[in-house]
Amino acid sequence: MSDTQLNSPPTHQERQIANEGFQKLIAAIDEIDHPENTPEISILETEEPIKIPLKVLKMLAEILRNYRDGNAVSIVPMGAAFTTQKAAEFLNCSRPHVTKLIDQGKLKAEMVGRHRRVQFEDLIKFKKNMIKESKEALIELMRDSEELGLYEAD
């Protein structure tokens, strides 16, 4: 599996196929959704049954949903360590900003030789916290605007 196009956005035809697959897979998951079930899938061309954990089948449905919606998909193991550049790309900011966040203790990182590495789990926690803080700030801004009569709630 060394396809260089794996992270590229889906074509129109691929989106249609993903939609069809998503609909059928969701219906199948609804029928078998029980923690003790270990579903088997098979590929028509090989007719070889493949056991697959239910959680993985649900992940496949999520991949198909994203693909249907036109999103490229990447799978990142939770234990993956990112360089500061990759962390910056994930957070959609600059590498110096990530370095500053690490130096300020706002983002956890480990030193590997002379280089910093950020665990994917720590990036997820940081991003969730950033989103939470942004929502709280927006709510506070709305309250202040209402009190000053600058914002009218319907």
N, C-alpha and C. Protein backbone atom coordinates (compact mmCIF):
# COMPACT_ATOMS: atom_id res chain seq x y z
N MET A 1 0.82 -1.19 0.00
CA MET A 1 0.00 0.00 0.00
C MET A 1 0.86 1.25 0.00
N SER A 2 1.49 1.54 -1.10
CA SER A 2 2.31 2.75 -1.16
C SER A 2 1.78 3.69 -2.24
N ASP A 3 0.49 3.92 -2.22
CA ASP A 3 -0.13 4.81 -3.17
C ASP A 3 0.11 6.25 -2.75
N THR A 4 0.75 7.03 -3.63
CA THR A 4 1.06 8.42 -3.28
C THR A 4 -0.19 9.29 -3.31
N GLN A 5 -1.29 8.81 -3.85
CA GLN A 5 -2.52 9.58 -3.95
C GLN A 5 -3.48 9.34 -2.78
N LEU A 6 -3.05 8.62 -1.76
CA LEU A 6 -3.95 8.29 -0.65
C LEU A 6 -4.48 9.52 0.07
N ASN A 7 -3.70 10.58 0.17
CA ASN A 7 -4.14 11.77 0.90
C ASN A 7 -4.73 12.83 0.00
N SER A 8 -4.96 12.52 -1.26
CA SER A 8 -5.53 13.52 -2.16
C SER A 8 -7.06 13.50 -2.06
N PRO A 9 -7.69 14.64 -2.34
CA PRO A 9 -9.16 14.67 -2.29
C PRO A 9 -9.76 13.70 -3.30
N PRO A 10 -10.93 13.15 -2.99
CA PRO A 10 -11.56 12.18 -3.89
C PRO A 10 -12.12 12.85 -5.15
N THR A 11 -12.14 12.07 -6.22
CA THR A 11 -12.77 12.55 -7.45
C THR A 11 -14.28 12.47 -7.29
N HIS A 12 -15.00 13.04 -8.25
CA HIS A 12 -16.46 13.00 -8.21
C HIS A 12 -16.95 11.54 -8.21
N GLN A 13 -16.36 10.72 -9.05
CA GLN A 13 -16.76 9.31 -9.13
C GLN A 13 -16.47 8.59 -7.80
N GLU A 14 -15.31 8.86 -7.21
CA GLU A 14 -14.98 8.24 -5.92
C GLU A 14 -15.95 8.68 -4.83
N ARG A 15 -16.38 9.93 -4.88
CA ARG A 15 -17.35 10.42 -3.90
C ARG A 15 -18.68 9.70 -4.03
N GLN A 16 -19.11 9.45 -5.27
CA GLN A 16 -20.36 8.72 -5.50
C GLN A 16 -20.25 7.29 -4.99
N ILE A 17 -19.14 6.64 -5.28
CA ILE A 17 -18.92 5.27 -4.81
C ILE A 17 -18.89 5.24 -3.28
N ALA A 18 -18.20 6.22 -2.68
CA ALA A 18 -18.11 6.30 -1.21
C ALA A 18 -19.49 6.49 -0.60
N ASN A 19 -20.33 7.30 -1.23
CA ASN A 19 -21.68 7.53 -0.72
C ASN A 19 -22.48 6.23 -0.72
N GLU A 20 -22.41 5.51 -1.82
CA GLU A 20 -23.13 4.24 -1.91
C GLU A 20 -22.62 3.25 -0.86
N GLY A 21 -21.30 3.16 -0.74
CA GLY A 21 -20.72 2.26 0.26
C GLY A 21 -21.07 2.67 1.67
N PHE A 22 -21.06 3.98 1.92
CA PHE A 22 -21.39 4.49 3.25
C PHE A 22 -22.82 4.10 3.63
N GLN A 23 -23.76 4.33 2.73
CA GLN A 23 -25.17 4.02 3.01
C GLN A 23 -25.35 2.53 3.34
N LYS A 24 -24.74 1.67 2.55
CA LYS A 24 -24.87 0.23 2.77
C LYS A 24 -24.17 -0.20 4.06
N LEU A 25 -23.00 0.39 4.31
CA LEU A 25 -22.25 0.02 5.51
C LEU A 25 -22.97 0.46 6.78
N ILE A 26 -23.53 1.65 6.78
CA ILE A 26 -24.28 2.14 7.95
C ILE A 26 -25.47 1.23 8.22
N ALA A 27 -26.18 0.82 7.18
CA ALA A 27 -27.33 -0.08 7.35
C ALA A 27 -26.87 -1.41 7.95
N ALA A 28 -25.75 -1.92 7.48
CA ALA A 28 -25.22 -3.19 7.99
C ALA A 28 -24.78 -3.05 9.45
N ILE A 29 -24.12 -1.94 9.76
CA ILE A 29 -23.66 -1.71 11.14
C ILE A 29 -24.85 -1.62 12.08
N ASP A 30 -25.91 -0.94 11.66
CA ASP A 30 -27.12 -0.83 12.49
C ASP A 30 -27.69 -2.21 12.83
N GLU A 31 -27.59 -3.14 11.91
CA GLU A 31 -28.12 -4.49 12.13
C GLU A 31 -27.26 -5.30 13.08
N ILE A 32 -25.94 -5.11 13.04
CA ILE A 32 -25.03 -5.96 13.81
C ILE A 32 -24.39 -5.26 14.99
N ASP A 33 -24.81 -4.03 15.29
CA ASP A 33 -24.15 -3.21 16.31
C ASP A 33 -24.35 -3.80 17.72
N HIS A 34 -23.46 -4.70 18.07
CA HIS A 34 -23.44 -5.29 19.41
C HIS A 34 -21.97 -5.56 19.73
N PRO A 35 -21.49 -5.17 20.92
CA PRO A 35 -20.07 -5.28 21.25
C PRO A 35 -19.48 -6.68 21.09
N GLU A 36 -20.32 -7.69 21.21
CA GLU A 36 -19.81 -9.07 21.12
C GLU A 36 -19.71 -9.57 19.68
N ASN A 37 -20.23 -8.82 18.74
CA ASN A 37 -20.18 -9.23 17.33
C ASN A 37 -18.79 -8.98 16.74
N THR A 38 -18.32 -9.95 15.98
CA THR A 38 -17.11 -9.78 15.19
C THR A 38 -17.52 -10.03 13.75
N PRO A 39 -17.84 -8.96 13.04
CA PRO A 39 -18.32 -9.14 11.68
C PRO A 39 -17.25 -9.67 10.74
N GLU A 40 -17.71 -10.29 9.68
CA GLU A 40 -16.83 -10.73 8.60
C GLU A 40 -17.26 -10.00 7.34
N ILE A 41 -16.29 -9.50 6.62
CA ILE A 41 -16.58 -8.89 5.34
C ILE A 41 -15.87 -9.71 4.29
N SER A 42 -16.28 -9.58 3.05
CA SER A 42 -15.57 -10.27 1.97
C SER A 42 -15.57 -9.38 0.74
N ILE A 43 -14.53 -9.55 -0.04
CA ILE A 43 -14.39 -8.83 -1.30
C ILE A 43 -14.83 -9.79 -2.40
N LEU A 44 -15.78 -9.35 -3.22
CA LEU A 44 -16.36 -10.23 -4.23
C LEU A 44 -15.30 -10.91 -5.10
N GLU A 45 -14.28 -10.16 -5.47
CA GLU A 45 -13.26 -10.72 -6.37
C GLU A 45 -12.49 -11.88 -5.75
N THR A 46 -12.32 -11.85 -4.44
CA THR A 46 -11.54 -12.92 -3.79
C THR A 46 -12.43 -13.91 -3.04
N GLU A 47 -13.62 -13.48 -2.67
CA GLU A 47 -14.57 -14.29 -1.90
C GLU A 47 -13.96 -14.81 -0.60
N GLU A 48 -12.90 -14.18 -0.16
CA GLU A 48 -12.23 -14.58 1.08
C GLU A 48 -12.81 -13.79 2.25
N PRO A 49 -13.45 -14.46 3.23
CA PRO A 49 -14.00 -13.71 4.37
C PRO A 49 -12.88 -13.14 5.24
N ILE A 50 -13.09 -11.91 5.70
CA ILE A 50 -12.11 -11.23 6.55
C ILE A 50 -12.81 -10.80 7.82
N LYS A 51 -12.33 -11.30 8.97
CA LYS A 51 -12.88 -10.85 10.25
C LYS A 51 -12.33 -9.46 10.54
N ILE A 52 -13.22 -8.60 11.03
CA ILE A 52 -12.84 -7.22 11.29
C ILE A 52 -13.55 -6.74 12.55
N PRO A 53 -12.83 -6.13 13.49
CA PRO A 53 -13.49 -5.63 14.69
C PRO A 53 -14.58 -4.62 14.34
N LEU A 54 -15.66 -4.62 15.09
CA LEU A 54 -16.79 -3.72 14.84
C LEU A 54 -16.33 -2.25 14.87
N LYS A 55 -15.41 -1.92 15.79
CA LYS A 55 -14.90 -0.54 15.86
C LYS A 55 -14.22 -0.15 14.55
N VAL A 56 -13.49 -1.08 13.96
CA VAL A 56 -12.80 -0.78 12.71
C VAL A 56 -13.81 -0.61 11.59
N LEU A 57 -14.86 -1.38 11.61
CA LEU A 57 -15.93 -1.25 10.61
C LEU A 57 -16.58 0.14 10.73
N LYS A 58 -16.76 0.61 11.97
CA LYS A 58 -17.32 1.94 12.19
C LYS A 58 -16.34 3.02 11.71
N MET A 59 -15.04 2.77 11.90
CA MET A 59 -14.03 3.71 11.40
C MET A 59 -14.08 3.77 9.87
N LEU A 60 -14.28 2.62 9.24
CA LEU A 60 -14.39 2.57 7.79
C LEU A 60 -15.60 3.39 7.32
N ALA A 61 -16.69 3.30 8.05
CA ALA A 61 -17.88 4.09 7.72
C ALA A 61 -17.56 5.59 7.83
N GLU A 62 -16.82 5.97 8.85
CA GLU A 62 -16.45 7.37 9.03
C GLU A 62 -15.54 7.85 7.90
N ILE A 63 -14.63 6.99 7.46
CA ILE A 63 -13.76 7.31 6.33
C ILE A 63 -14.61 7.51 5.07
N LEU A 64 -15.55 6.60 4.83
CA LEU A 64 -16.42 6.72 3.66
C LEU A 64 -17.26 8.00 3.71
N ARG A 65 -17.76 8.34 4.91
CA ARG A 65 -18.56 9.55 5.06
C ARG A 65 -17.74 10.78 4.69
N ASN A 66 -16.51 10.85 5.19
CA ASN A 66 -15.64 11.98 4.88
C ASN A 66 -15.30 12.01 3.39
N TYR A 67 -15.02 10.87 2.83
CA TYR A 67 -14.70 10.78 1.41
C TYR A 67 -15.89 11.22 0.57
N ARG A 68 -17.08 10.78 0.97
CA ARG A 68 -18.32 11.18 0.29
C ARG A 68 -18.47 12.71 0.30
N ASP A 69 -18.07 13.31 1.42
CA ASP A 69 -18.19 14.76 1.58
C ASP A 69 -17.05 15.53 0.92
N GLY A 70 -16.15 14.80 0.26
CA GLY A 70 -15.07 15.45 -0.48
C GLY A 70 -13.80 15.70 0.30
N ASN A 71 -13.69 15.11 1.48
CA ASN A 71 -12.52 15.32 2.33
C ASN A 71 -11.49 14.23 2.13
N ALA A 72 -10.23 14.61 1.98
CA ALA A 72 -9.15 13.64 2.01
C ALA A 72 -9.05 13.14 3.45
N VAL A 73 -8.59 11.92 3.63
CA VAL A 73 -8.55 11.32 4.97
C VAL A 73 -7.15 10.80 5.25
N SER A 74 -6.67 11.05 6.46
CA SER A 74 -5.42 10.48 6.93
C SER A 74 -5.69 9.73 8.22
N ILE A 75 -5.00 8.64 8.41
CA ILE A 75 -5.12 7.88 9.65
C ILE A 75 -3.81 8.05 10.39
N VAL A 76 -3.92 8.54 11.62
CA VAL A 76 -2.73 8.79 12.43
C VAL A 76 -2.85 7.96 13.71
N PRO A 77 -1.92 7.05 13.95
CA PRO A 77 -1.96 6.28 15.20
C PRO A 77 -1.84 7.22 16.40
N MET A 78 -2.60 6.95 17.45
CA MET A 78 -2.60 7.83 18.62
C MET A 78 -1.22 7.95 19.25
N GLY A 79 -0.35 6.98 19.09
CA GLY A 79 0.99 7.04 19.67
C GLY A 79 2.01 7.73 18.80
N ALA A 80 1.58 8.30 17.68
CA ALA A 80 2.50 8.94 16.75
C ALA A 80 3.10 10.20 17.35
N ALA A 81 4.37 10.44 17.04
CA ALA A 81 5.05 11.65 17.48
C ALA A 81 5.28 12.53 16.26
N PHE A 82 4.97 13.82 16.40
CA PHE A 82 5.09 14.77 15.31
C PHE A 82 6.30 15.67 15.52
N THR A 83 6.92 16.06 14.42
CA THR A 83 7.93 17.12 14.49
C THR A 83 7.18 18.42 14.75
N THR A 84 7.92 19.46 15.10
CA THR A 84 7.25 20.75 15.31
C THR A 84 6.63 21.26 14.01
N GLN A 85 7.24 20.94 12.87
CA GLN A 85 6.68 21.36 11.59
C GLN A 85 5.35 20.65 11.33
N LYS A 86 5.30 19.33 11.55
CA LYS A 86 4.05 18.58 11.34
C LYS A 86 2.99 19.01 12.35
N ALA A 87 3.42 19.30 13.58
CA ALA A 87 2.47 19.79 14.59
C ALA A 87 1.89 21.13 14.15
N ALA A 88 2.72 21.99 13.59
CA ALA A 88 2.26 23.29 13.10
C ALA A 88 1.25 23.11 11.97
N GLU A 89 1.53 22.18 11.07
CA GLU A 89 0.60 21.92 9.96
C GLU A 89 -0.74 21.41 10.51
N PHE A 90 -0.69 20.55 11.52
CA PHE A 90 -1.92 20.03 12.11
C PHE A 90 -2.72 21.13 12.78
N LEU A 91 -2.03 22.04 13.48
CA LEU A 91 -2.70 23.13 14.20
C LEU A 91 -2.98 24.34 13.30
N ASN A 92 -2.48 24.27 12.07
CA ASN A 92 -2.66 25.35 11.11
C ASN A 92 -2.04 26.66 11.62
N CYS A 93 -0.80 26.55 12.04
CA CYS A 93 -0.05 27.73 12.50
C CYS A 93 1.41 27.57 12.07
N SER A 94 2.26 28.48 12.47
CA SER A 94 3.66 28.41 12.07
C SER A 94 4.46 27.51 13.03
N ARG A 95 5.60 27.01 12.52
CA ARG A 95 6.47 26.20 13.35
C ARG A 95 7.03 27.02 14.52
N PRO A 96 7.45 28.29 14.31
CA PRO A 96 7.92 29.08 15.46
C PRO A 96 6.84 29.25 16.54
N HIS A 97 5.57 29.34 16.13
CA HIS A 97 4.49 29.45 17.11
C HIS A 97 4.40 28.18 17.95
N VAL A 98 4.52 27.02 17.30
CA VAL A 98 4.49 25.75 18.04
C VAL A 98 5.66 25.70 19.02
N THR A 99 6.83 26.11 18.56
CA THR A 99 8.00 26.13 19.43
C THR A 99 7.76 27.04 20.64
N LYS A 100 7.14 28.19 20.39
CA LYS A 100 6.82 29.13 21.47
C LYS A 100 5.84 28.50 22.46
N LEU A 101 4.82 27.80 21.95
CA LEU A 101 3.84 27.13 22.81
C LEU A 101 4.53 26.08 23.69
N ILE A 102 5.47 25.37 23.11
CA ILE A 102 6.22 24.35 23.86
C ILE A 102 7.07 25.01 24.94
N ASP A 103 7.79 26.08 24.55
CA ASP A 103 8.65 26.79 25.51
C ASP A 103 7.85 27.39 26.66
N GLN A 104 6.61 27.82 26.38
CA GLN A 104 5.74 28.40 27.41
C GLN A 104 5.06 27.32 28.26
N GLY A 105 5.23 26.05 27.89
CA GLY A 105 4.61 24.96 28.64
C GLY A 105 3.14 24.74 28.30
N LYS A 106 2.65 25.37 27.24
CA LYS A 106 1.25 25.22 26.85
C LYS A 106 1.01 23.96 26.03
N LEU A 107 2.07 23.45 25.41
CA LEU A 107 2.00 22.24 24.60
C LEU A 107 3.13 21.33 25.02
N LYS A 108 2.78 20.10 25.38
CA LYS A 108 3.79 19.14 25.82
C LYS A 108 4.60 18.64 24.64
N ALA A 109 5.90 18.45 24.90
CA ALA A 109 6.79 17.90 23.88
C ALA A 109 7.93 17.17 24.57
N GLU A 110 8.54 16.26 23.83
CA GLU A 110 9.69 15.52 24.34
C GLU A 110 10.89 15.85 23.47
N MET A 111 12.05 15.82 24.06
CA MET A 111 13.26 16.05 23.28
C MET A 111 13.79 14.69 22.80
N VAL A 112 14.05 14.61 21.52
CA VAL A 112 14.67 13.43 20.92
C VAL A 112 15.96 13.94 20.30
N GLY A 113 17.04 13.75 21.04
CA GLY A 113 18.29 14.38 20.63
C GLY A 113 18.14 15.87 20.81
N ARG A 114 18.33 16.64 19.74
CA ARG A 114 18.18 18.09 19.80
C ARG A 114 16.82 18.53 19.28
N HIS A 115 15.98 17.58 18.92
CA HIS A 115 14.70 17.91 18.29
C HIS A 115 13.52 17.65 19.21
N ARG A 116 12.52 18.50 19.09
CA ARG A 116 11.28 18.33 19.87
C ARG A 116 10.33 17.42 19.10
N ARG A 117 9.61 16.59 19.84
CA ARG A 117 8.57 15.74 19.26
C ARG A 117 7.31 15.91 20.10
N VAL A 118 6.19 16.07 19.41
CA VAL A 118 4.91 16.27 20.08
C VAL A 118 4.05 15.04 19.82
N GLN A 119 3.54 14.45 20.88
CA GLN A 119 2.67 13.28 20.74
C GLN A 119 1.33 13.71 20.16
N PHE A 120 0.79 12.89 19.28
CA PHE A 120 -0.47 13.20 18.63
C PHE A 120 -1.57 13.42 19.67
N GLU A 121 -1.59 12.59 20.71
CA GLU A 121 -2.60 12.75 21.77
C GLU A 121 -2.53 14.13 22.40
N ASP A 122 -1.31 14.63 22.60
CA ASP A 122 -1.14 15.96 23.19
C ASP A 122 -1.62 17.05 22.24
N LEU A 123 -1.42 16.85 20.94
CA LEU A 123 -1.93 17.80 19.95
C LEU A 123 -3.45 17.84 19.97
N ILE A 124 -4.06 16.67 20.06
CA ILE A 124 -5.53 16.59 20.11
C ILE A 124 -6.05 17.31 21.35
N LYS A 125 -5.44 17.04 22.51
CA LYS A 125 -5.86 17.71 23.75
C LYS A 125 -5.70 19.21 23.64
N PHE A 126 -4.57 19.66 23.10
CA PHE A 126 -4.32 21.09 22.95
C PHE A 126 -5.36 21.72 22.04
N LYS A 127 -5.65 21.08 20.90
CA LYS A 127 -6.60 21.63 19.95
C LYS A 127 -8.01 21.69 20.55
N LYS A 128 -8.41 20.63 21.27
CA LYS A 128 -9.73 20.64 21.92
C LYS A 128 -9.81 21.76 22.94
N ASN A 129 -8.75 21.96 23.70
CA ASN A 129 -8.72 23.02 24.70
C ASN A 129 -8.78 24.40 24.03
N MET A 130 -8.08 24.55 22.89
CA MET A 130 -8.11 25.80 22.14
C MET A 130 -9.54 26.11 21.67
N ILE A 131 -10.21 25.10 21.16
CA ILE A 131 -11.59 25.28 20.69
C ILE A 131 -12.50 25.65 21.85
N LYS A 132 -12.33 24.96 22.98
CA LYS A 132 -13.14 25.24 24.16
C LYS A 132 -12.93 26.68 24.63
N GLU A 133 -11.67 27.12 24.70
CA GLU A 133 -11.37 28.48 25.13
C GLU A 133 -11.94 29.51 24.16
N SER A 134 -11.88 29.22 22.86
CA SER A 134 -12.44 30.14 21.86
C SER A 134 -13.94 30.28 22.03
N LYS A 135 -14.62 29.16 22.26
CA LYS A 135 -16.08 29.21 22.47
C LYS A 135 -16.42 30.01 23.71
N GLU A 136 -15.67 29.79 24.79
CA GLU A 136 -15.92 30.52 26.02
C GLU A 136 -15.70 32.02 25.83
N ALA A 137 -14.65 32.37 25.09
CA ALA A 137 -14.36 33.79 24.83
C ALA A 137 -15.47 34.42 23.99
N LEU A 138 -15.96 33.66 23.01
CA LEU A 138 -17.05 34.17 22.17
C LEU A 138 -18.32 34.39 22.98
N ILE A 139 -18.63 33.46 23.85
CA ILE A 139 -19.82 33.60 24.72
C ILE A 139 -19.66 34.82 25.62
N GLU A 140 -18.48 35.01 26.17
CA GLU A 140 -18.22 36.17 27.03
C GLU A 140 -18.36 37.47 26.24
N LEU A 141 -17.84 37.47 25.01
CA LEU A 141 -17.96 38.64 24.15
C LEU A 141 -19.42 38.94 23.83
N MET A 142 -20.21 37.91 23.58
CA MET A 142 -21.64 38.10 23.31
C MET A 142 -22.35 38.67 24.53
N ARG A 143 -22.01 38.16 25.72
CA ARG A 143 -22.63 38.68 26.96
C ARG A 143 -22.30 40.15 27.15
N ASP A 144 -21.02 40.48 26.96
CA ASP A 144 -20.61 41.88 27.12
C ASP A 144 -21.33 42.76 26.11
N SER A 145 -21.45 42.30 24.88
CA SER A 145 -22.13 43.07 23.83
C SER A 145 -23.60 43.27 24.17
N GLU A 146 -24.25 42.24 24.71
CA GLU A 146 -25.65 42.35 25.11
C GLU A 146 -25.81 43.37 26.22
N GLU A 147 -24.91 43.32 27.21
CA GLU A 147 -24.99 44.26 28.33
C GLU A 147 -24.79 45.69 27.89
N LEU A 148 -23.98 45.90 26.87
CA LEU A 148 -23.72 47.24 26.36
C LEU A 148 -24.77 47.68 25.32
N GLY A 149 -25.68 46.75 24.99
CA GLY A 149 -26.72 47.05 24.02
C GLY A 149 -26.23 47.02 22.58
N LEU A 150 -25.07 46.41 22.37
CA LEU A 150 -24.51 46.34 21.01
C LEU A 150 -24.99 45.12 20.24
N TYR A 151 -25.59 44.20 20.96
CA TYR A 151 -26.00 42.94 20.34
C TYR A 151 -27.38 42.60 20.86
N GLU A 152 -28.30 42.40 19.96
CA GLU A 152 -29.64 42.06 20.37
C GLU A 152 -29.91 40.58 20.11
N ALA A 153 -30.23 39.86 21.16
CA ALA A 153 -30.58 38.44 21.00
C ALA A 153 -32.04 38.36 20.60
N ASP A 154 -32.34 37.56 19.60
CA ASP A 154 -33.73 37.41 19.14
C ASP A 154 -34.50 36.47 20.03
